Amino acid sequence: MIVKALLDSSITEIFMNRKIASRHGFKLQKLERLMAVRNVNGTNNSARVITYQVEVNVYYKNHIERIRMDVYNLERTEVILEMSWLQAHNPEINWETGEVKMIRCPPLYKRKEDKRARKGKRVVTLEEEKIVRWAVDNKED
């Protein structure tokens, strides 16, 4: 699954559009405490509070990480990455072309699967992992 992410240095949470989470069958995890939020432009959101989050693998070129995202009504935006994510990864961004290079990530986020893939070993994709997780989560006892 490929999504477009908005980089926003003015927010403090990472969000996934509720429609994307639903369409792709991500397992929603109910938050212990609801979070009241507003839209990026300061207006009230139709949902008013965040009640769920998802945990997903993020792949971008040679970058991989497991990340939690709050699920929220984002209208046309699919994912929003926030300031602390930008600070931790410090991507090189060419604002004219839109190219993003993940050249300054902490070593923790470098993709380890590349070595296996180069040796001809199969690497599980995010979609396959999601299907496996769905099968395990929905297994009948």
Protein backbone atom coordinates (compact mmCIF):
# COMPACT_ATOMS: atom_id res chain seq x y z
CA MET A 1 0.00 0.00 0.00
CA ILE A 2 1.37 3.40 -0.91
CA VAL A 3 0.20 6.53 0.90
CA LYS A 4 1.06 10.19 0.64
CA ALA A 5 2.32 11.76 3.85
CA LEU A 6 2.12 15.41 4.80
CA LEU A 7 5.12 16.70 6.76
CA ASP A 8 3.84 19.24 9.31
CA SER A 9 6.27 20.83 11.75
CA SER A 10 3.47 22.57 13.67
CA ILE A 11 1.72 19.49 15.12
CA THR A 12 2.65 17.11 17.92
CA GLU A 13 1.04 13.81 16.87
CA ILE A 14 1.27 11.41 13.93
CA PHE A 15 -2.06 10.79 12.20
CA MET A 16 -3.58 8.33 9.74
CA ASN A 17 -6.81 9.06 7.94
CA ARG A 18 -9.69 6.99 9.34
CA LYS A 19 -10.74 6.04 5.79
CA ILE A 20 -7.26 4.66 4.99
CA ALA A 21 -7.20 2.61 8.21
CA SER A 22 -10.64 1.20 7.47
CA ARG A 23 -10.07 0.57 3.76
CA HIS A 24 -6.88 -1.40 4.40
CA GLY A 25 -8.14 -3.30 7.44
CA PHE A 26 -5.65 -2.06 10.02
CA LYS A 27 -6.36 -3.30 13.51
CA LEU A 28 -7.66 -0.36 15.54
CA GLN A 29 -6.40 -0.14 19.11
CA LYS A 30 -8.72 1.76 21.44
CA LEU A 31 -7.00 4.54 23.36
CA GLU A 32 -7.23 4.40 27.15
CA ARG A 33 -7.84 8.13 27.22
CA LEU A 34 -9.63 10.03 24.46
CA MET A 35 -7.73 12.96 22.93
CA ALA A 36 -9.53 16.15 21.96
CA VAL A 37 -7.97 17.81 18.91
CA ARG A 38 -8.64 20.40 16.25
CA ASN A 39 -7.88 20.37 12.55
CA VAL A 40 -4.51 21.64 11.37
CA ASN A 41 -6.16 24.94 10.38
CA GLY A 42 -7.62 25.41 13.90
CA THR A 43 -11.24 24.53 13.07
CA ASN A 44 -13.26 21.85 14.88
CA ASN A 45 -13.06 18.38 13.35
CA SER A 46 -16.26 16.40 12.81
CA ALA A 47 -14.92 13.60 15.04
CA ARG A 48 -13.95 16.03 17.86
CA VAL A 49 -11.83 13.37 19.66
CA ILE A 50 -9.38 10.64 18.76
CA THR A 51 -10.46 7.25 20.05
CA TYR A 52 -8.19 4.82 18.17
CA GLN A 53 -4.65 4.34 16.98
CA VAL A 54 -2.95 1.86 14.67
CA GLU A 55 0.54 0.40 14.68
CA VAL A 56 2.12 0.06 11.25
CA ASN A 57 5.40 -0.54 9.49
CA VAL A 58 6.60 2.44 7.46
CA TYR A 59 8.86 1.74 4.49
CA TYR A 60 10.53 4.48 2.46
CA LYS A 61 13.45 3.60 0.20
CA ASN A 62 16.08 2.16 2.62
CA HIS A 63 14.17 3.31 5.72
CA ILE A 64 11.91 1.15 7.87
CA GLU A 65 10.25 1.73 11.22
CA ARG A 66 7.34 0.56 13.33
CA ILE A 67 5.18 3.51 14.32
CA ARG A 68 1.90 4.27 16.09
CA MET A 69 -0.49 6.66 14.40
CA ASP A 70 -3.62 8.24 15.80
CA VAL A 71 -6.65 7.56 13.60
CA TYR A 72 -8.58 10.70 12.75
CA ASN A 73 -10.78 12.36 10.12
CA LEU A 74 -8.21 14.00 7.85
CA GLU A 75 -10.40 14.74 4.82
CA ARG A 76 -8.06 14.29 1.80
CA THR A 77 -4.78 13.83 3.70
CA GLU A 78 -3.71 10.20 4.20
CA VAL A 79 -0.95 10.48 6.82
CA ILE A 80 0.58 13.41 8.73
CA LEU A 81 4.09 13.17 10.19
CA GLU A 82 4.81 15.65 12.98
CA MET A 83 7.67 17.70 14.40
CA SER A 84 9.31 15.15 16.71
CA TRP A 85 9.35 12.63 13.84
CA LEU A 86 11.00 15.26 11.64
CA GLN A 87 13.55 16.05 14.36
CA ALA A 88 14.39 12.38 14.99
CA HIS A 89 14.85 11.57 11.29
CA ASN A 90 16.09 14.96 10.04
CA PRO A 91 15.30 14.19 6.38
CA GLU A 92 16.93 16.08 3.55
CA ILE A 93 14.10 17.71 1.61
CA ASN A 94 14.37 19.32 -1.80
CA TRP A 95 11.42 21.72 -1.67
CA GLU A 96 11.60 22.43 -5.42
CA THR A 97 11.32 18.80 -6.54
CA GLY A 98 9.61 17.30 -3.48
CA GLU A 99 12.34 14.67 -3.13
CA VAL A 100 12.90 13.41 0.41
CA LYS A 101 16.13 11.62 1.37
CA MET A 102 16.37 9.75 4.66
CA ILE A 103 20.15 10.14 4.97
CA ARG A 104 20.44 11.25 8.60
CA CYS A 105 18.19 8.72 10.35
CA PRO A 106 19.43 7.10 13.54
CA PRO A 107 20.86 3.60 12.78
CA LEU A 108 17.82 2.04 14.44
CA TYR A 109 15.74 2.97 11.39
CA LYS A 110 17.95 1.59 8.62
CA ARG A 111 16.35 -1.30 6.77
CA LYS A 112 17.92 -4.60 7.74
CA GLU A 113 15.94 -6.65 5.20
CA ASP A 114 18.03 -5.29 2.32
CA LYS A 115 20.85 -7.79 2.99
CA ARG A 116 18.41 -10.71 2.87
CA ALA A 117 16.79 -9.37 -0.29
CA ARG A 118 20.18 -8.98 -2.00
CA LYS A 119 20.98 -12.61 -1.14
CA GLY A 120 17.80 -13.70 -2.92
CA LYS A 121 15.84 -14.36 0.26
CA ARG A 122 12.21 -13.29 0.31
CA VAL A 123 11.21 -10.26 2.39
CA VAL A 124 7.67 -10.03 3.77
CA THR A 125 5.82 -6.97 2.54
CA LEU A 126 3.67 -4.70 4.71
CA GLU A 127 0.56 -5.99 2.90
CA GLU A 128 1.48 -9.62 3.59
CA GLU A 129 2.21 -8.81 7.23
CA LYS A 130 -1.19 -7.12 7.53
CA ILE A 131 -2.90 -10.20 6.06
CA VAL A 132 -1.04 -12.50 8.44
CA ARG A 133 -1.89 -10.28 11.40
CA TRP A 134 -5.55 -10.20 10.31
CA ALA A 135 -5.63 -14.01 10.10
CA VAL A 136 -4.04 -14.37 13.54
CA ASP A 137 -6.24 -11.72 15.14
CA ASN A 138 -9.40 -13.24 13.67
CA LYS A 139 -8.53 -16.89 14.27
CA GLU A 140 -11.41 -18.89 15.67
CA ASP A 141 -10.76 -20.78 18.91
